[in-house]
Amino acid sequence: MHNVVEVRKAGYDACNSSSPIAMFLTGNDIVPLASTGTRYFICGIPGHCIAGMKVQVNVKSKAVRTVQRCRGTGKRLRCLSETVLSSATKAGIDQCAVVRLGLAVIATGLVLF
């Protein structure tokens, strides 16, 4: 079983979910990214974040976002960053970028739609 916990940068860096900003438990949650800035999400199950189940989302505008995906631990931690169009922009919806956090995809490392 997995969950998604939004945390502050310190919680993200330390893989600590003890002071969550928000928790997403259904596996089919939608998180509106209404303002620019950096948001941090981790799996709150012990050991999962340290194993790489975490994602940093840099919201730059309504049209695009930068997604960083990390895998591995310690010296083996590898992160990839990519700039992608938001789901809302692709669909032609004039609203904030949307992150869909799916239970099935969190098991393989967070994937953002």
C-alpha atoms as a PDB file:
ATOM      1  CA  MET A   1       0.000   0.000   0.000  1.00  0.00           C
ATOM      2  CA  HIS A   2       1.229   3.508  -0.816  1.00  0.00           C
ATOM      3  CA  ASN A   3       0.243   7.086  -0.187  1.00  0.00           C
ATOM      4  CA  VAL A   4       1.418  10.513  -1.298  1.00  0.00           C
ATOM      5  CA  VAL A   5       2.363  13.144   1.263  1.00  0.00           C
ATOM      6  CA  GLU A   6       3.063  16.764   0.430  1.00  0.00           C
ATOM      7  CA  VAL A   7       5.881  18.062   2.621  1.00  0.00           C
ATOM      8  CA  ARG A   8       8.168  21.063   2.953  1.00  0.00           C
ATOM      9  CA  LYS A   9      11.685  20.948   1.491  1.00  0.00           C
ATOM     10  CA  ALA A  10      13.203  19.776   4.803  1.00  0.00           C
ATOM     11  CA  GLY A  11      10.749  16.862   4.926  1.00  0.00           C
ATOM     12  CA  TYR A  12      11.521  16.047   1.296  1.00  0.00           C
ATOM     13  CA  ASP A  13      15.279  16.097   1.851  1.00  0.00           C
ATOM     14  CA  ALA A  14      15.032  13.979   5.030  1.00  0.00           C
ATOM     15  CA  CYS A  15      12.189  11.753   3.761  1.00  0.00           C
ATOM     16  CA  ASN A  16      10.192  12.768   6.830  1.00  0.00           C
ATOM     17  CA  SER A  17       6.382  12.859   6.626  1.00  0.00           C
ATOM     18  CA  SER A  18       5.729  13.695  10.295  1.00  0.00           C
ATOM     19  CA  SER A  19       4.600  17.289   9.502  1.00  0.00           C
ATOM     20  CA  PRO A  20       2.620  16.930   6.268  1.00  0.00           C
ATOM     21  CA  ILE A  21       1.139  19.843   4.345  1.00  0.00           C
ATOM     22  CA  ALA A  22      -1.390  17.441   2.806  1.00  0.00           C
ATOM     23  CA  MET A  23      -1.957  13.695   2.453  1.00  0.00           C
ATOM     24  CA  PHE A  24      -3.410  11.895  -0.549  1.00  0.00           C
ATOM     25  CA  LEU A  25      -4.637   8.410   0.221  1.00  0.00           C
ATOM     26  CA  THR A  26      -6.988   7.318  -2.571  1.00  0.00           C
ATOM     27  CA  GLY A  27      -4.458   6.631  -5.311  1.00  0.00           C
ATOM     28  CA  ASN A  28      -6.589   8.737  -7.634  1.00  0.00           C
ATOM     29  CA  ASP A  29      -5.952  12.205  -6.238  1.00  0.00           C
ATOM     30  CA  ILE A  30      -5.690  15.413  -8.237  1.00  0.00           C
ATOM     31  CA  VAL A  31      -3.545  18.223  -6.868  1.00  0.00           C
ATOM     32  CA  PRO A  32      -4.105  21.652  -8.430  1.00  0.00           C
ATOM     33  CA  LEU A  33      -0.882  23.625  -8.817  1.00  0.00           C
ATOM     34  CA  ALA A  34      -2.445  27.085  -8.606  1.00  0.00           C
ATOM     35  CA  SER A  35       0.689  29.178  -8.090  1.00  0.00           C
ATOM     36  CA  THR A  36       4.283  29.128  -9.207  1.00  0.00           C
ATOM     37  CA  GLY A  37       6.897  27.679  -6.902  1.00  0.00           C
ATOM     38  CA  THR A  38       8.287  24.353  -5.787  1.00  0.00           C
ATOM     39  CA  ARG A  39       6.165  21.589  -4.272  1.00  0.00           C
ATOM     40  CA  TYR A  40       7.479  18.414  -2.665  1.00  0.00           C
ATOM     41  CA  PHE A  41       5.773  15.000  -2.569  1.00  0.00           C
ATOM     42  CA  ILE A  42       6.959  11.752  -0.969  1.00  0.00           C
ATOM     43  CA  CYS A  43       5.576   8.305  -0.254  1.00  0.00           C
ATOM     44  CA  GLY A  44       4.841   8.238   3.479  1.00  0.00           C
ATOM     45  CA  ILE A  45       5.336   4.484   3.904  1.00  0.00           C
ATOM     46  CA  PRO A  46       8.570   3.900   5.897  1.00  0.00           C
ATOM     47  CA  GLY A  47      11.533   3.180   3.624  1.00  0.00           C
ATOM     48  CA  HIS A  48       9.780   4.059   0.357  1.00  0.00           C
ATOM     49  CA  CYS A  49      10.941   7.687   0.086  1.00  0.00           C
ATOM     50  CA  ILE A  50      14.529   6.731   0.890  1.00  0.00           C
ATOM     51  CA  ALA A  51      14.244   4.138  -1.901  1.00  0.00           C
ATOM     52  CA  GLY A  52      13.410   6.989  -4.315  1.00  0.00           C
ATOM     53  CA  MET A  53       9.628   7.347  -4.149  1.00  0.00           C
ATOM     54  CA  LYS A  54       9.593  11.132  -4.081  1.00  0.00           C
ATOM     55  CA  VAL A  55       9.114  13.941  -6.560  1.00  0.00           C
ATOM     56  CA  GLN A  56       9.837  17.670  -6.619  1.00  0.00           C
ATOM     57  CA  VAL A  57       7.530  19.719  -8.857  1.00  0.00           C
ATOM     58  CA  ASN A  58       8.631  23.180  -9.981  1.00  0.00           C
ATOM     59  CA  VAL A  59       5.571  25.087 -11.184  1.00  0.00           C
ATOM     60  CA  LYS A  60       6.764  27.793 -13.562  1.00  0.00           C
ATOM     61  CA  SER A  61       3.525  28.820 -15.276  1.00  0.00           C
ATOM     62  CA  LYS A  62       0.121  27.551 -16.307  1.00  0.00           C
ATOM     63  CA  ALA A  63       1.579  26.202 -19.552  1.00  0.00           C
ATOM     64  CA  VAL A  64       4.630  24.191 -18.454  1.00  0.00           C
ATOM     65  CA  ARG A  65       6.165  22.597 -15.395  1.00  0.00           C
ATOM     66  CA  THR A  66       9.515  21.050 -14.538  1.00  0.00           C
ATOM     67  CA  VAL A  67       9.360  17.563 -13.111  1.00  0.00           C
ATOM     68  CA  GLN A  68      12.276  15.968 -11.273  1.00  0.00           C
ATOM     69  CA  ARG A  69      12.157  12.194 -10.863  1.00  0.00           C
ATOM     70  CA  CYS A  70      14.632  10.516  -8.522  1.00  0.00           C
ATOM     71  CA  ARG A  71      15.508   6.850  -8.147  1.00  0.00           C
ATOM     72  CA  GLY A  72      17.966   5.061  -5.919  1.00  0.00           C
ATOM     73  CA  THR A  73      19.502   6.030  -2.595  1.00  0.00           C
ATOM     74  CA  GLY A  74      22.587   7.769  -1.265  1.00  0.00           C
ATOM     75  CA  LYS A  75      25.385   7.884  -3.818  1.00  0.00           C
ATOM     76  CA  ARG A  76      23.198   5.897  -6.216  1.00  0.00           C
ATOM     77  CA  LEU A  77      20.449   8.544  -6.249  1.00  0.00           C
ATOM     78  CA  ARG A  78      19.821   9.594  -9.831  1.00  0.00           C
ATOM     79  CA  CYS A  79      17.505  12.459 -10.719  1.00  0.00           C
ATOM     80  CA  LEU A  80      16.175  13.482 -14.106  1.00  0.00           C
ATOM     81  CA  SER A  81      14.520  16.829 -14.757  1.00  0.00           C
ATOM     82  CA  GLU A  82      12.263  17.542 -17.688  1.00  0.00           C
ATOM     83  CA  THR A  83       9.966  20.364 -18.703  1.00  0.00           C
ATOM     84  CA  VAL A  84       6.532  19.168 -19.821  1.00  0.00           C
ATOM     85  CA  LEU A  85       3.211  20.700 -20.782  1.00  0.00           C
ATOM     86  CA  SER A  86       0.581  20.499 -18.067  1.00  0.00           C
ATOM     87  CA  SER A  87      -2.455  18.248 -18.514  1.00  0.00           C
ATOM     88  CA  ALA A  88      -4.684  21.305 -18.450  1.00  0.00           C
ATOM     89  CA  THR A  89      -2.761  22.963 -21.289  1.00  0.00           C
ATOM     90  CA  LYS A  90      -2.716  19.807 -23.431  1.00  0.00           C
ATOM     91  CA  ALA A  91      -6.470  19.481 -22.991  1.00  0.00           C
ATOM     92  CA  GLY A  92      -7.036  23.147 -23.807  1.00  0.00           C
ATOM     93  CA  ILE A  93      -8.408  23.861 -20.323  1.00  0.00           C
ATOM     94  CA  ASP A  94      -7.638  27.364 -19.056  1.00  0.00           C
ATOM     95  CA  GLN A  95      -6.855  26.505 -15.459  1.00  0.00           C
ATOM     96  CA  CYS A  96      -3.869  25.758 -13.244  1.00  0.00           C
ATOM     97  CA  ALA A  97      -1.551  22.859 -13.946  1.00  0.00           C
ATOM     98  CA  VAL A  98      -2.775  19.581 -12.491  1.00  0.00           C
ATOM     99  CA  VAL A  99      -0.784  16.722 -11.030  1.00  0.00           C
ATOM    100  CA  ARG A 100      -2.528  13.374 -10.931  1.00  0.00           C
ATOM    101  CA  LEU A 101      -1.042  11.029  -8.373  1.00  0.00           C
ATOM    102  CA  GLY A 102      -2.040   7.447  -9.114  1.00  0.00           C
ATOM    103  CA  LEU A 103      -1.648   4.545  -6.706  1.00  0.00           C
ATOM    104  CA  ALA A 104      -0.603   2.172  -9.463  1.00  0.00           C
ATOM    105  CA  VAL A 105       2.177   4.435 -10.729  1.00  0.00           C
ATOM    106  CA  ILE A 106       3.589   5.410  -7.346  1.00  0.00           C
ATOM    107  CA  ALA A 107       4.739   1.819  -6.911  1.00  0.00           C
ATOM    108  CA  THR A 108       7.188   2.290  -9.798  1.00  0.00           C
ATOM    109  CA  GLY A 109       8.261   5.806  -8.817  1.00  0.00           C
ATOM    110  CA  LEU A 110       5.995   8.813  -9.064  1.00  0.00           C
ATOM    111  CA  VAL A 111       4.767   9.568 -12.554  1.00  0.00           C
ATOM    112  CA  LEU A 112       2.976  12.829 -13.174  1.00  0.00           C
ATOM    113  CA  PHE A 113       0.316  13.183 -15.870  1.00  0.00           C
END
